[in-house]
Amino acid sequence: MPDYAFPPDLLQQSPEARRDYFKSFTIAHPRLREADAALKQAIQEPAGWSLIFVYGPTGVGKTTLRRRVEKHLRESMVEALRQDPGIMPVVSLEAPAPDSSQFSWKDYYRRALIALEEPLVDRKLTYAAHASFHGACGRALSDPIVPGIELRLALESGLIHRRPKAFFIDEAQHLAKMKSGRKLQDQLDSIKSLASLTNTVHVLIGTYELLPFRNLSAQLSRRSIDIHFPRYRAERSGDYTAFRNVVFTLQRHLPLPGESDLLTHIEYCYERSIGCVGLVKDWLTRALALAIKQGADAVSLKMLQKTAWPLDQSERMAREAVDGESDVLEREEIRHRLRQMLQLGGSPSAPATARANPPAPHACPRVGQRRPVRDLVGVNGQA
């Protein structure tokens, strides 16, 4: 019998059970571990910031990262839950995509209250303001349309009493679906205000479309931190080796009688997944379903080709990933401009010894003061 990495009795179970096993299987690969450690550290020791941005290409594994951290927070608060069952270790929701260019905060607050397990969400009304008439029995009746401001106040109150360690907003790039930059800043100001008033760290998880949020204002930059969850890059030997190891581990957990030799087709696997583990996992889940349906012992190249994303979709995902990565990189020209603004001078890569031993005071004039030089006079520098 082959040395299966999955429970051998799975082979005797239904196709649904075998697919569910593989879908629920996760691998703690290097990129995921790095992002996981960074996010846990940022939540446990926020150090003054109230917003955490987690961004990366589509299919890199951001949702898997969120679930891992949520599980960690729940496990870390078991004792606190025993003492106070009213608290919630973590709250999580997916930001809805707007039907138009206008993001609905009213809908967002309602979804957040549901995620907070707040009862009677549609009854969050202020009696004095909305009890406009009475029924036959003398009972005050109200407009069933709940104003957004009251939902916001109810959410603030719920977060203060529930005291979650973090509030996760998945697919947070949907918050950026606005027409003007000013409204975009208003969007983030609302989230930041909610986080500050309730003392609840908000974690915004999304694609590289989140990048415009990062530098909307100096105040927002001061209160936020970035965590980049990148894909594996083929041009980096360490990344490519790690990607191969991920594919090898996944193939060993495919609940099939035979062993799928995916490493023979590793370049094709990388090409259609652009180096994103989440995309590989989804792809192999489809290939596994096809193999089970056909009664095959292993996943073949033909099955991979049949279940792969079309070339144009892979190209688009690759283009978005490459463009996003270029925006994330700390460009030397940006750092050079920063050093000029701060009057640091010199090269950003100057050795530490040069910075630790600056030249004599007369060589470093104050801002606006000229260095002592001899001026030329006359025509072409001749007296």
Protein backbone atom coordinates (compact mmCIF):
# COMPACT_ATOMS: atom_id res chain seq x y z
CA MET A 1 0.00 0.00 0.00
CA PRO A 2 1.37 3.48 -0.90
CA ASP A 3 2.41 5.80 1.91
CA TYR A 4 -0.60 8.12 1.85
CA ALA A 5 -0.38 11.53 3.50
CA PHE A 6 -4.17 11.49 3.94
CA PRO A 7 -6.22 9.00 6.02
CA PRO A 8 -6.38 5.83 3.84
CA ASP A 9 -10.00 5.15 4.77
CA LEU A 10 -10.94 8.25 2.77
CA LEU A 11 -10.64 6.15 -0.37
CA GLN A 12 -13.67 4.15 0.78
CA GLN A 13 -15.76 7.23 1.47
CA SER A 14 -18.03 9.23 -0.83
CA PRO A 15 -16.70 11.62 -3.48
CA GLU A 16 -18.10 14.53 -1.44
CA ALA A 17 -16.14 13.47 1.65
CA ARG A 18 -12.93 13.19 -0.35
CA ARG A 19 -13.41 16.61 -1.93
CA ASP A 20 -14.31 18.17 1.42
CA TYR A 21 -11.13 16.76 2.96
CA PHE A 22 -8.93 18.34 0.33
CA LYS A 23 -10.81 21.64 0.35
CA SER A 24 -10.35 21.94 4.13
CA PHE A 25 -6.66 20.96 4.03
CA THR A 26 -4.26 23.89 4.42
CA ILE A 27 -0.50 24.01 4.30
CA ALA A 28 1.54 26.41 6.40
CA HIS A 29 3.90 27.51 3.65
CA PRO A 30 6.57 30.20 4.22
CA ARG A 31 4.61 33.17 2.81
CA LEU A 32 1.56 32.27 4.91
CA ARG A 33 3.64 31.85 8.07
CA GLU A 34 5.30 35.24 7.56
CA ALA A 35 2.00 37.06 7.04
CA ASP A 36 0.43 35.13 9.93
CA ALA A 37 3.17 36.15 12.35
CA ALA A 38 3.09 39.78 11.21
CA LEU A 39 -0.69 40.04 11.55
CA LYS A 40 -0.79 38.42 15.00
CA GLN A 41 1.94 40.77 16.20
CA ALA A 42 0.13 43.81 14.83
CA ILE A 43 -3.15 42.83 16.55
CA GLN A 44 -1.59 41.92 19.89
CA GLU A 45 0.61 45.02 20.03
CA PRO A 46 -1.11 47.70 17.93
CA ALA A 47 1.34 50.40 19.13
CA GLY A 48 -0.99 53.31 18.39
CA TRP A 49 -2.47 52.23 15.07
CA SER A 50 -6.10 51.27 14.69
CA LEU A 51 -6.09 50.10 11.06
CA ILE A 52 -4.18 47.17 9.60
CA PHE A 53 -4.06 46.75 5.82
CA VAL A 54 -3.41 43.23 4.52
CA TYR A 55 -3.15 43.11 0.75
CA GLY A 56 -1.87 40.83 -1.97
CA PRO A 57 -2.83 39.33 -5.34
CA THR A 58 -6.05 37.45 -5.82
CA GLY A 59 -5.82 33.81 -4.80
CA VAL A 60 -2.70 34.20 -2.67
CA GLY A 61 -4.43 32.86 0.47
CA LYS A 62 -5.65 35.96 2.31
CA THR A 63 -8.89 34.30 3.43
CA THR A 64 -6.90 31.33 4.76
CA LEU A 65 -4.71 33.80 6.65
CA ARG A 66 -7.78 35.46 8.17
CA ARG A 67 -9.23 32.15 9.33
CA ARG A 68 -5.92 31.11 10.91
CA VAL A 69 -5.65 34.35 12.88
CA GLU A 70 -9.32 34.21 13.89
CA LYS A 71 -8.80 30.69 15.23
CA HIS A 72 -5.72 31.83 17.14
CA LEU A 73 -7.62 34.74 18.74
CA ARG A 74 -10.50 32.49 19.80
CA GLU A 75 -8.14 29.95 21.34
CA SER A 76 -6.17 32.66 23.14
CA MET A 77 -9.33 34.01 24.81
CA VAL A 78 -10.85 30.76 26.09
CA GLU A 79 -10.21 31.69 29.72
CA ALA A 80 -11.54 35.23 29.24
CA LEU A 81 -14.70 33.79 27.68
CA ARG A 82 -15.24 31.60 30.72
CA GLN A 83 -15.12 34.64 32.96
CA ASP A 84 -17.24 36.83 30.68
CA PRO A 85 -19.36 34.96 28.11
CA GLY A 86 -20.56 38.29 26.71
CA ILE A 87 -17.31 39.16 24.96
CA MET A 88 -16.44 38.13 21.39
CA PRO A 89 -12.81 37.32 20.54
CA VAL A 90 -13.17 38.41 16.93
CA VAL A 91 -15.75 39.80 14.51
CA SER A 92 -15.55 39.17 10.78
CA LEU A 93 -17.52 40.13 7.70
CA GLU A 94 -17.10 40.44 3.96
CA ALA A 95 -17.56 43.94 2.57
CA PRO A 96 -20.35 43.72 -0.01
CA ALA A 97 -19.68 44.85 -3.55
CA PRO A 98 -21.87 47.90 -4.25
CA ASP A 99 -24.54 47.61 -6.92
CA SER A 100 -23.53 51.08 -8.11
CA SER A 101 -20.65 53.47 -7.57
CA GLN A 102 -22.05 54.40 -4.15
CA PHE A 103 -21.02 52.21 -1.23
CA SER A 104 -23.92 51.68 1.20
CA TRP A 105 -22.86 52.34 4.78
CA LYS A 106 -26.34 51.50 5.99
CA ASP A 107 -26.03 48.01 4.51
CA TYR A 108 -22.49 47.71 5.90
CA TYR A 109 -23.58 48.60 9.45
CA ARG A 110 -26.45 46.13 9.28
CA ARG A 111 -24.09 43.34 8.17
CA ALA A 112 -21.60 44.30 10.90
CA LEU A 113 -24.30 44.10 13.57
CA ILE A 114 -25.31 40.66 12.32
CA ALA A 115 -21.66 39.55 12.46
CA LEU A 116 -21.56 40.92 16.00
CA GLU A 117 -24.56 38.67 16.79
CA GLU A 118 -26.54 41.73 17.79
CA PRO A 119 -30.24 40.88 18.29
CA LEU A 120 -33.11 42.73 16.62
CA VAL A 121 -30.95 44.54 14.08
CA ASP A 122 -33.96 45.98 12.26
CA ARG A 123 -35.32 47.43 15.50
CA LYS A 124 -32.41 49.75 16.27
CA LEU A 125 -34.58 52.85 16.48
CA THR A 126 -34.59 55.88 18.72
CA TYR A 127 -38.07 55.95 20.28
CA ALA A 128 -38.32 59.72 20.65
CA ALA A 129 -37.30 60.38 17.07
CA HIS A 130 -39.24 57.69 15.25
CA ALA A 131 -42.36 56.84 17.30
CA SER A 132 -44.45 59.03 15.02
CA PHE A 133 -47.91 57.50 15.48
CA HIS A 134 -49.80 54.88 17.46
CA GLY A 135 -51.77 51.82 16.47
CA ALA A 136 -55.28 50.77 17.53
CA CYS A 137 -53.94 49.33 20.80
CA GLY A 138 -52.02 52.48 21.62
CA ARG A 139 -48.64 50.93 20.71
CA ALA A 140 -46.06 53.30 19.23
CA LEU A 141 -45.30 52.48 15.57
CA SER A 142 -42.16 53.44 13.68
CA ASP A 143 -40.86 53.72 10.15
CA PRO A 144 -39.37 50.31 9.26
CA ILE A 145 -36.48 52.00 7.40
CA VAL A 146 -33.65 52.20 9.91
CA PRO A 147 -31.49 55.33 9.55
CA GLY A 148 -27.80 54.65 9.05
CA ILE A 149 -26.74 56.86 11.95
CA GLU A 150 -28.69 54.73 14.40
CA LEU A 151 -27.16 51.56 13.04
CA ARG A 152 -23.76 53.19 13.43
CA LEU A 153 -24.47 54.06 17.07
CA ALA A 154 -25.71 50.53 17.70
CA LEU A 155 -22.53 49.12 16.17
CA GLU A 156 -20.35 51.37 18.32
CA SER A 157 -22.21 50.27 21.42
CA GLY A 158 -21.97 46.60 20.45
CA LEU A 159 -18.21 46.77 19.86
CA ILE A 160 -17.64 48.55 23.16
CA HIS A 161 -19.53 45.89 25.09
CA ARG A 162 -18.29 42.87 23.13
CA ARG A 163 -14.64 44.01 23.19
CA PRO A 164 -13.31 41.95 20.23
CA LYS A 165 -9.57 41.77 19.72
CA ALA A 166 -10.00 42.56 16.03
CA PHE A 167 -12.67 43.39 13.48
CA PHE A 168 -11.88 41.76 10.12
CA ILE A 169 -13.21 43.21 6.86
CA ASP A 170 -12.56 40.79 4.01
CA GLU A 171 -12.76 41.96 0.38
CA ALA A 172 -12.15 45.44 1.77
CA GLN A 173 -11.27 46.77 -1.69
CA HIS A 174 -15.04 47.12 -2.17
CA LEU A 175 -14.86 50.12 0.17
CA ALA A 176 -12.89 51.89 -2.55
CA LYS A 177 -15.72 51.70 -5.08
CA MET A 178 -16.20 55.46 -5.13
CA LYS A 179 -15.92 58.04 -7.88
CA SER A 180 -13.89 60.74 -6.15
CA GLY A 181 -10.74 60.72 -4.07
CA ARG A 182 -12.36 62.90 -1.42
CA LYS A 183 -15.11 60.34 -0.89
CA LEU A 184 -12.46 57.65 -0.73
CA GLN A 185 -10.84 59.45 2.20
CA ASP A 186 -14.26 59.82 3.82
CA GLN A 187 -14.68 56.05 3.57
CA LEU A 188 -11.51 55.36 5.48
CA ASP A 189 -12.14 58.18 7.95
CA SER A 190 -15.39 56.45 8.90
CA ILE A 191 -13.60 53.14 9.54
CA LYS A 192 -10.81 54.86 11.48
CA SER A 193 -13.31 56.78 13.59
CA LEU A 194 -15.21 53.60 14.40
CA ALA A 195 -11.97 51.83 15.34
CA SER A 196 -10.84 54.72 17.58
CA LEU A 197 -14.17 55.27 19.34
CA THR A 198 -14.57 51.59 20.17
CA ASN A 199 -10.87 50.85 20.77
CA THR A 200 -11.13 47.98 18.28
CA VAL A 201 -8.40 47.24 15.76
CA HIS A 202 -9.86 46.96 12.25
CA VAL A 203 -8.12 44.65 9.77
CA LEU A 204 -8.85 45.45 6.13
CA ILE A 205 -8.02 42.51 3.87
CA GLY A 206 -8.12 42.78 0.09
CA THR A 207 -6.34 42.91 -3.23
CA TYR A 208 -3.93 45.58 -4.43
CA GLU A 209 -6.96 47.82 -4.98
CA LEU A 210 -6.50 48.65 -1.28
CA LEU A 211 -3.27 50.50 -2.06
CA PRO A 212 -4.96 53.90 -2.68
CA PHE A 213 -6.10 53.82 0.97
CA ARG A 214 -2.55 53.84 2.30
CA ASN A 215 -1.54 57.45 1.67
CA LEU A 216 -4.77 59.42 1.67
CA SER A 217 -3.54 61.62 4.53
CA ALA A 218 -0.73 61.85 7.04
CA GLN A 219 -3.19 61.21 9.87
CA LEU A 220 -4.39 57.97 8.30
CA SER A 221 -0.83 56.88 7.60
CA ARG A 222 0.12 57.45 11.24
CA ARG A 223 -2.76 55.31 12.51
CA SER A 224 -2.27 52.38 10.11
CA ILE A 225 0.20 49.62 9.27
CA ASP A 226 0.69 47.62 6.06
CA ILE A 227 1.16 43.87 5.72
CA HIS A 228 1.98 42.66 2.22
CA PHE A 229 1.07 39.03 1.48
CA PRO A 230 2.93 38.39 -1.82
CA ARG A 231 2.93 35.50 -4.25
CA TYR A 232 5.94 33.32 -4.98
CA ARG A 233 8.20 34.81 -7.65
CA ALA A 234 9.67 32.44 -10.25
CA GLU A 235 12.78 34.59 -10.74
CA ARG A 236 13.77 34.04 -7.11
CA SER A 237 15.23 30.61 -6.52
CA GLY A 238 14.06 30.44 -2.92
CA ASP A 239 10.51 31.34 -3.91
CA TYR A 240 10.41 28.80 -6.72
CA THR A 241 11.72 26.05 -4.43
CA ALA A 242 9.07 26.90 -1.84
CA PHE A 243 6.38 26.82 -4.53
CA ARG A 244 7.56 23.37 -5.65
CA ASN A 245 7.39 22.15 -2.06
CA VAL A 246 3.82 23.45 -1.74
CA VAL A 247 2.72 21.64 -4.90
CA PHE A 248 4.43 18.44 -3.75
CA THR A 249 2.66 18.57 -0.38
CA LEU A 250 -0.71 19.22 -2.00
CA GLN A 251 -0.32 16.33 -4.42
CA ARG A 252 0.38 13.95 -1.54
CA HIS A 253 -2.91 14.98 0.09
CA LEU A 254 -5.04 14.32 -2.98
CA PRO A 255 -7.26 11.41 -1.79
CA LEU A 256 -6.69 9.19 -4.84
CA PRO A 257 -5.37 5.60 -5.00
CA GLY A 258 -2.29 6.57 -7.00
CA GLU A 259 0.23 9.39 -6.65
CA SER A 260 -0.14 12.40 -8.91
CA ASP A 261 3.25 13.47 -10.27
CA LEU A 262 2.63 17.21 -10.50
CA LEU A 263 6.29 18.19 -10.22
CA THR A 264 6.80 16.95 -13.77
CA HIS A 265 4.50 19.79 -14.81
CA ILE A 266 5.63 22.35 -12.25
CA GLU A 267 6.17 25.14 -14.80
CA TYR A 268 2.65 24.69 -16.10
CA CYS A 269 1.34 24.75 -12.51
CA TYR A 270 3.18 27.99 -11.88
CA GLU A 271 2.13 29.54 -15.18
CA ARG A 272 -1.59 29.14 -14.62
CA SER A 273 -1.52 29.94 -10.90
CA ILE A 274 0.96 32.87 -11.20
CA GLY A 275 2.66 31.57 -8.04
CA CYS A 276 -0.37 31.92 -5.75
CA VAL A 277 -1.00 28.97 -3.43
CA GLY A 278 -4.72 29.68 -3.15
CA LEU A 279 -5.10 29.47 -6.91
CA VAL A 280 -3.19 26.18 -6.98
CA LYS A 281 -5.47 24.79 -4.27
CA ASP A 282 -8.66 25.77 -6.08
CA TRP A 283 -7.29 24.38 -9.33
CA LEU A 284 -6.36 21.03 -7.80
CA THR A 285 -9.76 20.83 -6.11
CA ARG A 286 -11.39 20.97 -9.55
CA ALA A 287 -8.89 18.47 -10.95
CA LEU A 288 -9.57 16.13 -8.02
CA ALA A 289 -13.32 16.26 -8.67
CA LEU A 290 -12.69 15.37 -12.32
CA ALA A 291 -10.38 12.49 -11.38
CA ILE A 292 -12.94 11.07 -8.95
CA LYS A 293 -15.68 11.40 -11.54
CA GLN A 294 -13.60 9.54 -14.12
CA GLY A 295 -12.47 6.90 -11.61
CA ALA A 296 -8.80 7.79 -12.20
CA ASP A 297 -6.01 6.81 -9.82
CA ALA A 298 -4.24 10.16 -10.10
CA VAL A 299 -4.49 13.66 -11.54
CA SER A 300 -3.01 13.74 -15.03
CA LEU A 301 -1.71 16.60 -17.18
CA LYS A 302 -4.84 16.38 -19.31
CA MET A 303 -6.96 16.88 -16.19
CA LEU A 304 -4.88 19.87 -15.20
CA GLN A 305 -5.32 21.39 -18.64
CA LYS A 306 -9.06 20.78 -18.56
CA THR A 307 -9.56 22.48 -15.21
CA ALA A 308 -7.01 25.32 -15.54
CA TRP A 309 -8.01 28.95 -15.89
CA PRO A 310 -8.07 30.19 -19.51
CA LEU A 311 -4.93 31.93 -20.68
CA ASP A 312 -6.53 35.37 -20.80
CA GLN A 313 -7.69 35.07 -17.18
CA SER A 314 -4.25 33.93 -16.03
CA GLU A 315 -2.68 36.82 -17.92
CA ARG A 316 -5.02 39.32 -16.30
CA MET A 317 -4.33 37.96 -12.81
CA ALA A 318 -0.59 38.09 -13.53
CA ARG A 319 -0.83 41.69 -14.79
CA GLU A 320 -2.72 42.84 -11.69
CA ALA A 321 -0.19 41.07 -9.46
CA VAL A 322 2.84 42.57 -11.22
CA ASP A 323 1.34 46.07 -11.23
CA GLY A 324 0.46 45.80 -7.55
CA GLU A 325 3.94 44.58 -6.64
CA SER A 326 5.54 47.50 -8.46
CA ASP A 327 3.38 49.92 -6.42
CA VAL A 328 4.38 48.26 -3.15
CA LEU A 329 8.11 48.37 -3.75
CA GLU A 330 10.00 51.06 -1.92
CA ARG A 331 11.40 52.96 -4.84
CA GLU A 332 14.78 54.59 -4.37
CA GLU A 333 13.54 57.81 -5.95
CA ILE A 334 10.83 58.10 -3.29
CA ARG A 335 13.37 57.59 -0.53
CA HIS A 336 15.69 60.10 -2.18
CA ARG A 337 12.92 62.72 -2.21
CA LEU A 338 12.17 61.98 1.44
CA ARG A 339 15.80 62.49 2.42
CA GLN A 340 15.89 65.76 0.50
CA MET A 341 12.78 67.02 2.30
CA LEU A 342 14.34 66.12 5.64
CA GLN A 343 17.65 67.78 4.66
CA LEU A 344 19.52 64.54 5.28
CA GLY A 345 21.51 64.74 2.06
CA GLY A 346 23.89 62.06 0.86
CA SER A 347 22.96 58.71 -0.54
CA PRO A 348 20.31 56.49 1.12
CA SER A 349 22.82 53.67 0.96
CA ALA A 350 25.58 55.58 2.73
CA PRO A 351 27.40 53.37 5.24
CA ALA A 352 26.48 53.58 8.90
CA THR A 353 30.00 54.76 9.78
CA ALA A 354 29.60 57.82 7.57
CA ARG A 355 26.30 58.69 9.26
CA ALA A 356 27.76 58.04 12.71
CA ASN A 357 30.78 60.31 11.99
CA PRO A 358 29.43 63.40 10.19
CA PRO A 359 31.83 65.96 8.72
CA ALA A 360 32.92 69.02 10.63
CA PRO A 361 30.23 71.59 11.48
CA HIS A 362 31.49 74.13 8.94
CA ALA A 363 30.82 71.60 6.15
CA CYS A 364 27.15 71.23 7.13
CA PRO A 365 25.55 74.71 6.97
CA ARG A 366 22.12 75.42 8.31
CA VAL A 367 19.12 75.26 6.02
CA GLY A 368 19.18 78.30 3.71
CA GLN A 369 22.84 79.15 4.49
CA ARG A 370 25.37 78.95 1.65
CA ARG A 371 28.60 77.01 1.91
CA PRO A 372 31.72 79.25 2.06
CA VAL A 373 32.97 79.51 -1.55
CA ARG A 374 34.87 82.08 -3.64
CA ASP A 375 32.58 83.78 -6.17
CA LEU A 376 33.81 84.48 -9.69
CA VAL A 377 33.44 88.05 -10.96
CA GLY A 378 33.78 89.69 -14.35
CA VAL A 379 33.05 88.23 -17.77
CA ASN A 380 33.48 84.48 -18.05
CA GLY A 381 34.97 84.47 -14.61
CA GLN A 382 37.82 86.92 -15.38
CA ALA A 383 38.34 90.09 -13.34
